[in-house]
Amino acid sequence: MRLAIFDLDGTLVDRTGAFADAITSLSQDHGYGPEIEQWLLTELADHAERGDFDRLRATFSVGESADHLWRVYIDRMAASMHCRPAVLHSLERLKEAGWSIAVATNGASDIQRAKIHATGLSDLIDGIAASGDIDIRKPDPRLFELAAARCGTQLTRGDWMTGDNPETDIVGGHDAGLRTIWVTGRPWPEGLVTPHHTVDDVVEAVGYLLDQDSA
């Protein structure tokens, strides 16, 4: 059985739009003004974890606990997050073709799993490795190895990593011995190992993987 590992944010789902909606909702619900809302939009832009809300409380006088705000943020992100039907359908086709599907994602375990559950991806994914599980982040090869282990297998030369981040997904996947597919959306940095294949959309990436079965 062949293994296809995918990044989550920016690859299978669009975190950017959901993030803005979640921060706006959280801020409005708690009566936070534009200064706090902008702080959250800036400080949590790339990724968020519970400790960010400790920093928020150290910066501003807010009455809510960090634990409460983190739970609300997870709920708002899950409610705002969507996975396009075309992506879900393509993953269904990949599973039907006999592939195992894993996610390797940098992020806190609880929020990444909440996103996967809320979008319907949990029905299609065989194993999830979030950096918060073991405090190891991509591009560390051990996160890709954990993703394979969560699918009950080990990494092999025929396995693939698909993601949008050149450093964490493509270089990381290469260092783990995987073939790589880059979902474009940002300039390719000079000096990095190049991906095996480049696509504009993850649906196109899945189509390419399916073509490998008949190649």
N, C-alpha and C. Protein backbone atom coordinates (compact mmCIF):
# COMPACT_ATOMS: atom_id res chain seq x y z
N MET A 1 0.84 -1.20 0.00
CA MET A 1 0.00 0.00 0.00
C MET A 1 0.88 1.25 0.00
N ARG A 2 0.55 2.19 -0.88
CA ARG A 2 1.34 3.42 -0.98
C ARG A 2 0.78 4.46 -0.02
N LEU A 3 1.66 5.33 0.40
CA LEU A 3 1.31 6.34 1.40
C LEU A 3 1.41 7.74 0.80
N ALA A 4 0.37 8.53 1.00
CA ALA A 4 0.37 9.94 0.60
C ALA A 4 0.20 10.78 1.86
N ILE A 5 1.21 11.61 2.14
CA ILE A 5 1.16 12.50 3.29
C ILE A 5 0.87 13.91 2.79
N PHE A 6 -0.02 14.60 3.51
CA PHE A 6 -0.39 15.95 3.13
C PHE A 6 -0.18 16.90 4.30
N ASP A 7 0.23 18.11 3.97
CA ASP A 7 0.16 19.22 4.91
C ASP A 7 -1.32 19.58 5.08
N LEU A 8 -1.66 20.26 6.18
CA LEU A 8 -3.05 20.64 6.42
C LEU A 8 -3.32 22.08 5.98
N ASP A 9 -2.81 23.05 6.75
CA ASP A 9 -3.11 24.46 6.51
C ASP A 9 -2.43 24.97 5.24
N GLY A 10 -3.23 25.51 4.34
CA GLY A 10 -2.69 26.02 3.09
C GLY A 10 -2.60 24.98 2.01
N THR A 11 -2.88 23.73 2.36
CA THR A 11 -2.83 22.64 1.38
C THR A 11 -4.20 21.98 1.26
N LEU A 12 -4.63 21.30 2.31
CA LEU A 12 -5.96 20.69 2.28
C LEU A 12 -7.05 21.68 2.64
N VAL A 13 -6.74 22.64 3.49
CA VAL A 13 -7.73 23.65 3.90
C VAL A 13 -7.11 25.03 3.83
N ASP A 14 -7.98 26.04 3.73
CA ASP A 14 -7.54 27.44 3.70
C ASP A 14 -7.64 28.00 5.11
N ARG A 15 -6.50 28.08 5.79
CA ARG A 15 -6.49 28.62 7.14
C ARG A 15 -6.70 30.13 7.16
N THR A 16 -6.22 30.83 6.13
CA THR A 16 -6.17 32.28 6.16
C THR A 16 -7.54 32.91 6.36
N GLY A 17 -8.50 32.51 5.53
CA GLY A 17 -9.83 33.09 5.64
C GLY A 17 -10.51 32.70 6.94
N ALA A 18 -10.38 31.44 7.33
CA ALA A 18 -10.99 30.98 8.57
C ALA A 18 -10.40 31.69 9.78
N PHE A 19 -9.10 31.95 9.73
CA PHE A 19 -8.41 32.61 10.84
C PHE A 19 -8.97 34.00 11.08
N ALA A 20 -9.12 34.79 10.01
CA ALA A 20 -9.64 36.15 10.15
C ALA A 20 -11.05 36.13 10.73
N ASP A 21 -11.88 35.20 10.25
CA ASP A 21 -13.24 35.09 10.77
C ASP A 21 -13.24 34.70 12.24
N ALA A 22 -12.36 33.78 12.62
CA ALA A 22 -12.32 33.31 14.01
C ALA A 22 -11.89 34.42 14.96
N ILE A 23 -10.88 35.19 14.57
CA ILE A 23 -10.40 36.29 15.42
C ILE A 23 -11.47 37.37 15.55
N THR A 24 -12.13 37.70 14.46
CA THR A 24 -13.21 38.70 14.52
C THR A 24 -14.32 38.24 15.45
N SER A 25 -14.70 36.98 15.33
CA SER A 25 -15.76 36.43 16.16
C SER A 25 -15.37 36.42 17.63
N LEU A 26 -14.16 35.95 17.93
CA LEU A 26 -13.69 35.91 19.31
C LEU A 26 -13.64 37.32 19.91
N SER A 27 -13.14 38.26 19.15
CA SER A 27 -13.01 39.63 19.65
C SER A 27 -14.37 40.26 19.91
N GLN A 28 -15.30 40.06 19.02
CA GLN A 28 -16.64 40.62 19.20
C GLN A 28 -17.34 39.99 20.39
N ASP A 29 -17.22 38.68 20.54
CA ASP A 29 -17.89 37.98 21.64
C ASP A 29 -17.41 38.46 23.01
N HIS A 30 -16.14 38.88 23.09
CA HIS A 30 -15.58 39.29 24.37
C HIS A 30 -15.47 40.80 24.52
N GLY A 31 -15.99 41.53 23.55
CA GLY A 31 -15.97 42.98 23.63
C GLY A 31 -14.59 43.59 23.49
N TYR A 32 -13.70 42.89 22.77
CA TYR A 32 -12.35 43.41 22.59
C TYR A 32 -12.35 44.48 21.50
N GLY A 33 -11.60 45.53 21.71
CA GLY A 33 -11.50 46.61 20.75
C GLY A 33 -10.53 46.29 19.64
N PRO A 34 -10.35 47.22 18.72
CA PRO A 34 -9.49 46.99 17.55
C PRO A 34 -8.02 46.73 17.90
N GLU A 35 -7.54 47.27 19.02
CA GLU A 35 -6.13 47.07 19.37
C GLU A 35 -5.85 45.60 19.69
N ILE A 36 -6.73 44.99 20.49
CA ILE A 36 -6.55 43.58 20.83
C ILE A 36 -6.77 42.70 19.60
N GLU A 37 -7.79 43.03 18.83
CA GLU A 37 -8.06 42.24 17.63
C GLU A 37 -6.87 42.26 16.67
N GLN A 38 -6.26 43.42 16.49
CA GLN A 38 -5.12 43.52 15.59
C GLN A 38 -3.92 42.76 16.15
N TRP A 39 -3.74 42.80 17.47
CA TRP A 39 -2.66 42.05 18.10
C TRP A 39 -2.83 40.56 17.80
N LEU A 40 -4.04 40.06 17.95
CA LEU A 40 -4.30 38.65 17.70
C LEU A 40 -4.06 38.31 16.23
N LEU A 41 -4.53 39.17 15.34
CA LEU A 41 -4.34 38.92 13.91
C LEU A 41 -2.86 38.88 13.54
N THR A 42 -2.06 39.69 14.20
CA THR A 42 -0.63 39.74 13.91
C THR A 42 0.12 38.59 14.56
N GLU A 43 -0.11 38.38 15.85
CA GLU A 43 0.68 37.42 16.62
C GLU A 43 0.33 35.97 16.31
N LEU A 44 -0.89 35.71 15.88
CA LEU A 44 -1.32 34.34 15.61
C LEU A 44 -1.41 34.06 14.12
N ALA A 45 -0.84 34.95 13.31
CA ALA A 45 -1.02 34.85 11.86
C ALA A 45 -0.47 33.55 11.28
N ASP A 46 0.71 33.13 11.71
CA ASP A 46 1.33 31.94 11.14
C ASP A 46 0.86 30.66 11.80
N HIS A 47 0.79 30.67 13.11
CA HIS A 47 0.24 29.53 13.84
C HIS A 47 -0.13 30.00 15.24
N ALA A 48 -0.98 29.23 15.90
CA ALA A 48 -1.46 29.62 17.23
C ALA A 48 -1.34 28.46 18.19
N GLU A 49 -1.10 28.79 19.45
CA GLU A 49 -1.06 27.79 20.51
C GLU A 49 -1.56 28.43 21.80
N ARG A 50 -1.81 27.61 22.79
CA ARG A 50 -2.40 28.11 24.01
C ARG A 50 -1.56 29.22 24.64
N GLY A 51 -0.25 29.11 24.59
CA GLY A 51 0.63 30.10 25.21
C GLY A 51 0.47 31.50 24.63
N ASP A 52 -0.05 31.59 23.41
CA ASP A 52 -0.28 32.92 22.83
C ASP A 52 -1.27 33.72 23.66
N PHE A 53 -2.21 33.03 24.29
CA PHE A 53 -3.21 33.75 25.08
C PHE A 53 -2.67 34.12 26.46
N ASP A 54 -1.64 33.42 26.92
CA ASP A 54 -0.91 33.92 28.09
C ASP A 54 -0.23 35.23 27.76
N ARG A 55 0.36 35.30 26.55
CA ARG A 55 1.00 36.54 26.12
C ARG A 55 -0.01 37.66 25.94
N LEU A 56 -1.19 37.32 25.46
CA LEU A 56 -2.25 38.32 25.33
C LEU A 56 -2.60 38.92 26.68
N ARG A 57 -2.74 38.07 27.69
CA ARG A 57 -3.12 38.53 29.03
C ARG A 57 -2.00 39.33 29.68
N ALA A 58 -0.76 39.04 29.28
CA ALA A 58 0.36 39.80 29.81
C ALA A 58 0.47 41.17 29.15
N THR A 59 -0.12 41.31 27.98
CA THR A 59 -0.04 42.56 27.21
C THR A 59 -1.24 43.46 27.45
N PHE A 60 -2.40 42.85 27.63
CA PHE A 60 -3.64 43.62 27.79
C PHE A 60 -4.38 43.16 29.05
N SER A 61 -5.20 44.03 29.57
CA SER A 61 -6.01 43.69 30.75
C SER A 61 -7.31 43.03 30.29
N VAL A 62 -7.27 41.71 30.16
CA VAL A 62 -8.47 40.96 29.81
C VAL A 62 -8.83 40.05 30.97
N GLY A 63 -10.12 39.87 31.21
CA GLY A 63 -10.56 39.11 32.36
C GLY A 63 -10.58 37.61 32.15
N GLU A 64 -10.68 37.18 30.89
CA GLU A 64 -10.82 35.76 30.61
C GLU A 64 -9.49 35.03 30.77
N SER A 65 -9.55 33.77 31.19
CA SER A 65 -8.34 32.98 31.35
C SER A 65 -7.80 32.57 29.99
N ALA A 66 -6.51 32.25 29.95
CA ALA A 66 -5.90 31.77 28.71
C ALA A 66 -6.54 30.47 28.25
N ASP A 67 -6.86 29.59 29.19
CA ASP A 67 -7.50 28.33 28.83
C ASP A 67 -8.85 28.57 28.16
N HIS A 68 -9.63 29.48 28.72
CA HIS A 68 -10.93 29.80 28.13
C HIS A 68 -10.77 30.35 26.72
N LEU A 69 -9.87 31.29 26.54
CA LEU A 69 -9.69 31.91 25.23
C LEU A 69 -9.18 30.91 24.21
N TRP A 70 -8.31 30.01 24.63
CA TRP A 70 -7.81 28.97 23.72
C TRP A 70 -8.93 28.05 23.28
N ARG A 71 -9.80 27.66 24.20
CA ARG A 71 -10.93 26.79 23.83
C ARG A 71 -11.88 27.52 22.87
N VAL A 72 -12.14 28.79 23.15
CA VAL A 72 -13.01 29.57 22.26
C VAL A 72 -12.38 29.69 20.87
N TYR A 73 -11.08 29.95 20.85
CA TYR A 73 -10.39 30.08 19.57
C TYR A 73 -10.49 28.78 18.77
N ILE A 74 -10.28 27.65 19.42
CA ILE A 74 -10.40 26.36 18.73
C ILE A 74 -11.81 26.19 18.16
N ASP A 75 -12.82 26.50 18.96
CA ASP A 75 -14.20 26.37 18.51
C ASP A 75 -14.48 27.27 17.32
N ARG A 76 -14.00 28.51 17.38
CA ARG A 76 -14.25 29.46 16.29
C ARG A 76 -13.51 29.04 15.02
N MET A 77 -12.28 28.56 15.17
CA MET A 77 -11.54 28.10 14.00
C MET A 77 -12.22 26.90 13.36
N ALA A 78 -12.65 25.96 14.17
CA ALA A 78 -13.32 24.77 13.63
C ALA A 78 -14.61 25.17 12.92
N ALA A 79 -15.35 26.12 13.49
CA ALA A 79 -16.61 26.55 12.89
C ALA A 79 -16.38 27.31 11.57
N SER A 80 -15.24 27.98 11.45
CA SER A 80 -14.95 28.79 10.26
C SER A 80 -14.24 28.01 9.17
N MET A 81 -13.69 26.85 9.50
CA MET A 81 -12.85 26.11 8.57
C MET A 81 -13.69 25.25 7.63
N HIS A 82 -13.31 25.25 6.36
CA HIS A 82 -14.00 24.44 5.37
C HIS A 82 -12.97 23.73 4.49
N CYS A 83 -13.37 22.57 4.01
CA CYS A 83 -12.58 21.86 3.00
C CYS A 83 -13.44 21.76 1.76
N ARG A 84 -12.92 22.20 0.63
CA ARG A 84 -13.71 22.21 -0.60
C ARG A 84 -14.17 20.80 -0.98
N PRO A 85 -15.41 20.67 -1.45
CA PRO A 85 -15.89 19.35 -1.86
C PRO A 85 -14.99 18.66 -2.86
N ALA A 86 -14.36 19.43 -3.75
CA ALA A 86 -13.47 18.83 -4.74
C ALA A 86 -12.26 18.16 -4.08
N VAL A 87 -11.79 18.74 -2.98
CA VAL A 87 -10.66 18.15 -2.25
C VAL A 87 -11.10 16.86 -1.58
N LEU A 88 -12.25 16.89 -0.92
CA LEU A 88 -12.76 15.68 -0.26
C LEU A 88 -12.98 14.57 -1.29
N HIS A 89 -13.53 14.92 -2.42
CA HIS A 89 -13.79 13.92 -3.45
C HIS A 89 -12.49 13.32 -3.98
N SER A 90 -11.48 14.16 -4.17
CA SER A 90 -10.21 13.65 -4.68
C SER A 90 -9.57 12.69 -3.68
N LEU A 91 -9.68 12.99 -2.39
CA LEU A 91 -9.12 12.09 -1.39
C LEU A 91 -9.90 10.78 -1.32
N GLU A 92 -11.21 10.85 -1.54
CA GLU A 92 -12.00 9.62 -1.61
C GLU A 92 -11.50 8.72 -2.75
N ARG A 93 -11.22 9.33 -3.88
CA ARG A 93 -10.70 8.57 -5.03
C ARG A 93 -9.34 7.94 -4.69
N LEU A 94 -8.51 8.69 -3.96
CA LEU A 94 -7.20 8.17 -3.59
C LEU A 94 -7.33 6.96 -2.67
N LYS A 95 -8.24 7.03 -1.72
CA LYS A 95 -8.46 5.89 -0.82
C LYS A 95 -9.01 4.70 -1.59
N GLU A 96 -9.94 4.96 -2.49
CA GLU A 96 -10.52 3.87 -3.29
C GLU A 96 -9.46 3.19 -4.15
N ALA A 97 -8.43 3.94 -4.51
CA ALA A 97 -7.34 3.38 -5.31
C ALA A 97 -6.34 2.60 -4.46
N GLY A 98 -6.57 2.56 -3.14
CA GLY A 98 -5.73 1.75 -2.27
C GLY A 98 -4.63 2.48 -1.54
N TRP A 99 -4.62 3.81 -1.62
CA TRP A 99 -3.60 4.58 -0.92
C TRP A 99 -3.98 4.78 0.54
N SER A 100 -2.98 4.83 1.41
CA SER A 100 -3.16 5.34 2.77
C SER A 100 -2.92 6.83 2.76
N ILE A 101 -3.70 7.56 3.56
CA ILE A 101 -3.63 9.02 3.57
C ILE A 101 -3.28 9.49 4.98
N ALA A 102 -2.23 10.31 5.08
CA ALA A 102 -1.80 10.85 6.37
C ALA A 102 -1.71 12.36 6.28
N VAL A 103 -1.75 12.99 7.44
CA VAL A 103 -1.51 14.43 7.55
C VAL A 103 -0.33 14.65 8.48
N ALA A 104 0.62 15.45 8.05
CA ALA A 104 1.74 15.89 8.89
C ALA A 104 1.64 17.41 8.97
N THR A 105 1.38 17.92 10.16
CA THR A 105 1.07 19.34 10.29
C THR A 105 1.78 19.94 11.49
N ASN A 106 2.29 21.15 11.31
CA ASN A 106 2.83 21.91 12.43
C ASN A 106 1.69 22.63 13.11
N GLY A 107 1.49 22.35 14.39
CA GLY A 107 0.41 22.99 15.12
C GLY A 107 0.05 22.20 16.36
N ALA A 108 -0.67 22.85 17.25
CA ALA A 108 -1.12 22.19 18.47
C ALA A 108 -2.08 21.05 18.12
N SER A 109 -1.96 19.96 18.86
CA SER A 109 -2.73 18.76 18.54
C SER A 109 -4.23 19.01 18.57
N ASP A 110 -4.71 19.71 19.60
CA ASP A 110 -6.16 19.85 19.75
C ASP A 110 -6.77 20.68 18.64
N ILE A 111 -6.14 21.77 18.26
CA ILE A 111 -6.74 22.60 17.22
C ILE A 111 -6.63 21.97 15.84
N GLN A 112 -5.53 21.30 15.54
CA GLN A 112 -5.40 20.68 14.23
C GLN A 112 -6.41 19.54 14.06
N ARG A 113 -6.61 18.77 15.11
CA ARG A 113 -7.60 17.70 15.04
C ARG A 113 -9.02 18.24 14.99
N ALA A 114 -9.26 19.37 15.64
CA ALA A 114 -10.59 19.99 15.56
C ALA A 114 -10.88 20.43 14.13
N LYS A 115 -9.88 20.99 13.45
CA LYS A 115 -10.05 21.39 12.05
C LYS A 115 -10.37 20.18 11.18
N ILE A 116 -9.60 19.11 11.37
CA ILE A 116 -9.77 17.91 10.55
C ILE A 116 -11.16 17.32 10.77
N HIS A 117 -11.62 17.30 12.01
CA HIS A 117 -12.94 16.75 12.30
C HIS A 117 -14.05 17.63 11.71
N ALA A 118 -13.91 18.94 11.86
CA ALA A 118 -14.97 19.86 11.44
C ALA A 118 -15.14 19.90 9.93
N THR A 119 -14.08 19.62 9.18
CA THR A 119 -14.13 19.72 7.73
C THR A 119 -14.52 18.42 7.04
N GLY A 120 -14.69 17.33 7.79
CA GLY A 120 -15.00 16.05 7.19
C GLY A 120 -13.78 15.27 6.75
N LEU A 121 -12.60 15.83 6.95
CA LEU A 121 -11.37 15.14 6.55
C LEU A 121 -11.10 13.90 7.41
N SER A 122 -11.62 13.90 8.63
CA SER A 122 -11.33 12.78 9.54
C SER A 122 -11.83 11.45 8.99
N ASP A 123 -12.86 11.48 8.14
CA ASP A 123 -13.38 10.24 7.56
C ASP A 123 -12.47 9.68 6.47
N LEU A 124 -11.52 10.48 6.01
CA LEU A 124 -10.68 10.09 4.88
C LEU A 124 -9.22 9.88 5.26
N ILE A 125 -8.83 10.35 6.43
CA ILE A 125 -7.42 10.31 6.83
C ILE A 125 -7.16 9.12 7.75
N ASP A 126 -6.10 8.38 7.43
CA ASP A 126 -5.76 7.18 8.20
C ASP A 126 -4.87 7.49 9.39
N GLY A 127 -4.10 8.57 9.34
CA GLY A 127 -3.20 8.90 10.44
C GLY A 127 -2.86 10.37 10.45
N ILE A 128 -2.77 10.94 11.65
CA ILE A 128 -2.46 12.36 11.83
C ILE A 128 -1.24 12.49 12.72
N ALA A 129 -0.28 13.28 12.28
CA ALA A 129 0.88 13.63 13.11
C ALA A 129 0.94 15.14 13.21
N ALA A 130 0.63 15.67 14.38
CA ALA A 130 0.73 17.11 14.63
C ALA A 130 1.96 17.38 15.46
N SER A 131 2.62 18.51 15.19
CA SER A 131 3.86 18.79 15.90
C SER A 131 3.65 18.86 17.41
N GLY A 132 2.45 19.25 17.83
CA GLY A 132 2.16 19.29 19.25
C GLY A 132 2.12 17.93 19.92
N ASP A 133 2.03 16.87 19.11
CA ASP A 133 1.99 15.51 19.69
C ASP A 133 3.31 15.17 20.37
N ILE A 134 4.41 15.56 19.73
CA ILE A 134 5.73 15.14 20.22
C ILE A 134 6.70 16.30 20.31
N ASP A 135 6.19 17.53 20.18
CA ASP A 135 7.02 18.73 20.27
C ASP A 135 8.15 18.70 19.24
N ILE A 136 7.84 18.21 18.06
CA ILE A 136 8.77 18.20 16.93
C ILE A 136 8.04 18.79 15.74
N ARG A 137 8.68 19.71 15.03
CA ARG A 137 8.04 20.40 13.93
C ARG A 137 8.69 20.04 12.60
N LYS A 138 7.87 20.00 11.54
CA LYS A 138 8.47 19.93 10.22
C LYS A 138 9.42 21.11 10.05
N PRO A 139 10.56 20.93 9.42
CA PRO A 139 10.95 19.84 8.52
C PRO A 139 11.63 18.63 9.18
N ASP A 140 11.55 18.49 10.47
CA ASP A 140 12.16 17.34 11.14
C ASP A 140 11.56 16.05 10.57
N PRO A 141 12.40 15.15 10.03
CA PRO A 141 11.89 13.91 9.42
C PRO A 141 11.05 13.06 10.37
N ARG A 142 11.26 13.23 11.66
CA ARG A 142 10.54 12.38 12.61
C ARG A 142 9.04 12.62 12.59
N LEU A 143 8.60 13.82 12.18
CA LEU A 143 7.16 14.04 12.10
C LEU A 143 6.55 13.27 10.93
N PHE A 144 7.28 13.17 9.84
CA PHE A 144 6.80 12.36 8.71
C PHE A 144 6.80 10.88 9.08
N GLU A 145 7.81 10.46 9.83
CA GLU A 145 7.86 9.07 10.28
C GLU A 145 6.69 8.76 11.20
N LEU A 146 6.33 9.72 12.06
CA LEU A 146 5.18 9.52 12.94
C LEU A 146 3.89 9.43 12.14
N ALA A 147 3.77 10.25 11.09
CA ALA A 147 2.58 10.19 10.24
C ALA A 147 2.42 8.81 9.63
N ALA A 148 3.52 8.24 9.16
CA ALA A 148 3.47 6.88 8.60
C ALA A 148 3.10 5.86 9.67
N ALA A 149 3.71 6.00 10.85
CA ALA A 149 3.42 5.07 11.93
C ALA A 149 1.95 5.12 12.34
N ARG A 150 1.35 6.31 12.30
CA ARG A 150 -0.06 6.45 12.66
C ARG A 150 -0.96 5.76 11.62
N CYS A 151 -0.40 5.50 10.44
CA CYS A 151 -1.12 4.74 9.41
C CYS A 151 -0.78 3.25 9.47
N GLY A 152 0.03 2.88 10.46
CA GLY A 152 0.41 1.48 10.61
C GLY A 152 1.47 1.02 9.63
N THR A 153 2.31 1.95 9.16
CA THR A 153 3.33 1.59 8.19
C THR A 153 4.61 2.36 8.46
N GLN A 154 5.59 2.18 7.58
CA GLN A 154 6.83 2.94 7.62
C GLN A 154 7.04 3.64 6.30
N LEU A 155 7.84 4.70 6.31
CA LEU A 155 8.12 5.43 5.08
C LEU A 155 8.89 4.55 4.11
N THR A 156 8.52 4.63 2.83
CA THR A 156 9.23 3.91 1.77
C THR A 156 9.52 4.88 0.64
N ARG A 157 10.33 4.44 -0.30
CA ARG A 157 10.75 5.31 -1.40
C ARG A 157 9.59 5.66 -2.33
N GLY A 158 8.52 4.91 -2.29
CA GLY A 158 7.38 5.19 -3.16
C GLY A 158 6.35 6.11 -2.55
N ASP A 159 6.62 6.64 -1.36
CA ASP A 159 5.66 7.49 -0.66
C ASP A 159 5.86 8.96 -1.04
N TRP A 160 4.80 9.76 -0.83
CA TRP A 160 4.80 11.15 -1.28
C TRP A 160 4.40 12.10 -0.17
N MET A 161 4.97 13.30 -0.22
CA MET A 161 4.58 14.41 0.65
C MET A 161 4.11 15.57 -0.22
N THR A 162 2.92 16.10 0.08
CA THR A 162 2.36 17.23 -0.66
C THR A 162 2.12 18.38 0.30
N GLY A 163 2.62 19.57 -0.05
CA GLY A 163 2.41 20.72 0.81
C GLY A 163 2.74 22.02 0.11
N ASP A 164 2.41 23.13 0.77
CA ASP A 164 2.59 24.44 0.16
C ASP A 164 3.85 25.16 0.64
N ASN A 165 4.48 24.66 1.69
CA ASN A 165 5.62 25.36 2.27
C ASN A 165 6.93 24.75 1.75
N PRO A 166 7.76 25.54 1.05
CA PRO A 166 8.99 24.98 0.48
C PRO A 166 9.92 24.37 1.53
N GLU A 167 10.09 25.06 2.67
CA GLU A 167 11.05 24.59 3.67
C GLU A 167 10.51 23.41 4.48
N THR A 168 9.32 23.58 5.05
CA THR A 168 8.84 22.55 5.97
C THR A 168 8.30 21.33 5.25
N ASP A 169 7.61 21.53 4.13
CA ASP A 169 6.97 20.42 3.45
C ASP A 169 7.87 19.76 2.41
N ILE A 170 8.47 20.57 1.54
CA ILE A 170 9.23 20.01 0.43
C ILE A 170 10.63 19.58 0.87
N VAL A 171 11.38 20.48 1.50
CA VAL A 171 12.70 20.09 2.00
C VAL A 171 12.56 19.03 3.10
N GLY A 172 11.58 19.22 3.98
CA GLY A 172 11.37 18.24 5.03
C GLY A 172 11.01 16.88 4.48
N GLY A 173 10.11 16.85 3.51
CA GLY A 173 9.74 15.58 2.90
C GLY A 173 10.92 14.93 2.19
N HIS A 174 11.70 15.74 1.49
CA HIS A 174 12.90 15.22 0.81
C HIS A 174 13.87 14.61 1.81
N ASP A 175 14.10 15.29 2.93
CA ASP A 175 15.02 14.79 3.94
C ASP A 175 14.52 13.51 4.60
N ALA A 176 13.20 13.31 4.55
CA ALA A 176 12.62 12.09 5.12
C ALA A 176 12.60 10.95 4.09
N GLY A 177 13.13 11.22 2.88
CA GLY A 177 13.20 10.19 1.85
C GLY A 177 11.95 10.09 0.99
N LEU A 178 11.09 11.12 1.06
CA LEU A 178 9.84 11.10 0.32
C LEU A 178 9.98 11.81 -1.02
N ARG A 179 9.15 11.42 -1.98
CA ARG A 179 8.95 12.22 -3.17
C ARG A 179 8.01 13.36 -2.80
N THR A 180 8.13 14.49 -3.48
CA THR A 180 7.42 15.67 -3.02
C THR A 180 6.64 16.35 -4.14
N ILE A 181 5.49 16.91 -3.74
CA ILE A 181 4.67 17.73 -4.64
C ILE A 181 4.45 19.07 -3.95
N TRP A 182 4.79 20.13 -4.65
CA TRP A 182 4.63 21.48 -4.11
C TRP A 182 3.36 22.11 -4.65
N VAL A 183 2.50 22.56 -3.74
CA VAL A 183 1.32 23.34 -4.11
C VAL A 183 1.73 24.80 -4.10
N THR A 184 1.80 25.42 -5.26
CA THR A 184 2.35 26.76 -5.37
C THR A 184 1.46 27.80 -4.69
N GLY A 185 2.01 28.98 -4.54
CA GLY A 185 1.28 30.05 -3.89
C GLY A 185 2.20 31.09 -3.31
N ARG A 186 3.49 30.82 -3.39
CA ARG A 186 4.51 31.74 -2.90
C ARG A 186 5.76 31.54 -3.77
N PRO A 187 6.65 32.51 -3.81
CA PRO A 187 7.87 32.35 -4.61
C PRO A 187 8.72 31.18 -4.08
N TRP A 188 9.37 30.49 -4.99
CA TRP A 188 10.25 29.40 -4.57
C TRP A 188 11.59 29.98 -4.14
N PRO A 189 12.03 29.71 -2.92
CA PRO A 189 13.32 30.26 -2.45
C PRO A 189 14.49 29.64 -3.21
N GLU A 190 15.47 30.46 -3.49
CA GLU A 190 16.66 29.97 -4.17
C GLU A 190 17.47 29.07 -3.24
N GLY A 191 18.12 28.09 -3.83
CA GLY A 191 19.03 27.24 -3.08
C GLY A 191 18.42 26.03 -2.43
N LEU A 192 17.10 25.86 -2.53
CA LEU A 192 16.45 24.71 -1.92
C LEU A 192 16.34 23.56 -2.91
N VAL A 193 16.32 22.35 -2.39
CA VAL A 193 16.08 21.19 -3.24
C VAL A 193 14.71 21.34 -3.88
N THR A 194 14.61 21.05 -5.16
CA THR A 194 13.37 21.28 -5.88
C THR A 194 12.41 20.10 -5.71
N PRO A 195 11.12 20.37 -5.78
CA PRO A 195 10.13 19.29 -5.65
C PRO A 195 10.13 18.39 -6.89
N HIS A 196 9.62 17.18 -6.71
CA HIS A 196 9.51 16.27 -7.84
C HIS A 196 8.43 16.73 -8.82
N HIS A 197 7.42 17.40 -8.28
CA HIS A 197 6.31 17.86 -9.13
C HIS A 197 5.72 19.11 -8.52
N THR A 198 5.17 19.98 -9.35
CA THR A 198 4.56 21.23 -8.90
C THR A 198 3.15 21.34 -9.45
N VAL A 199 2.22 21.77 -8.59
CA VAL A 199 0.82 21.92 -9.00
C VAL A 199 0.29 23.25 -8.47
N ASP A 200 -0.85 23.66 -9.01
CA ASP A 200 -1.49 24.88 -8.54
C ASP A 200 -2.50 24.60 -7.43
N ASP A 201 -2.90 23.34 -7.27
CA ASP A 201 -3.99 23.01 -6.36
C ASP A 201 -3.81 21.58 -5.88
N VAL A 202 -4.24 21.31 -4.66
CA VAL A 202 -4.05 19.97 -4.10
C VAL A 202 -4.86 18.92 -4.87
N VAL A 203 -5.99 19.32 -5.46
CA VAL A 203 -6.77 18.38 -6.27
C VAL A 203 -5.92 17.88 -7.45
N GLU A 204 -5.17 18.79 -8.04
CA GLU A 204 -4.26 18.41 -9.13
C GLU A 204 -3.17 17.47 -8.62
N ALA A 205 -2.71 17.69 -7.40
CA ALA A 205 -1.70 16.81 -6.81
C ALA A 205 -2.24 15.40 -6.66
N VAL A 206 -3.47 15.26 -6.18
CA VAL A 206 -4.06 13.93 -6.03
C VAL A 206 -4.19 13.25 -7.39
N GLY A 207 -4.60 14.02 -8.42
CA GLY A 207 -4.68 13.46 -9.76
C GLY A 207 -3.34 12.93 -10.23
N TYR A 208 -2.29 13.65 -9.92
CA TYR A 208 -0.94 13.21 -10.29
C TYR A 208 -0.58 11.91 -9.57
N LEU A 209 -0.93 11.82 -8.29
CA LEU A 209 -0.66 10.59 -7.54
C LEU A 209 -1.42 9.40 -8.14
N LEU A 210 -2.64 9.62 -8.52
CA LEU A 210 -3.43 8.55 -9.12
C LEU A 210 -2.82 8.10 -10.45
N ASP A 211 -2.24 9.04 -11.18
CA ASP A 211 -1.60 8.70 -12.43
C ASP A 211 -0.37 7.82 -12.21
N GLN A 212 0.24 7.93 -11.02
CA GLN A 212 1.42 7.11 -10.74
C GLN A 212 1.07 5.63 -10.70
N ASP A 213 -0.18 5.32 -10.37
CA ASP A 213 -0.58 3.92 -10.30
C ASP A 213 -0.59 3.27 -11.68
N SER A 214 -0.82 4.08 -12.71
CA SER A 214 -0.87 3.54 -14.06
C SER A 214 0.40 3.79 -14.86
N ALA A 215 1.36 4.50 -14.18
CA ALA A 215 2.60 4.82 -14.89
C ALA A 215 3.51 3.59 -15.02
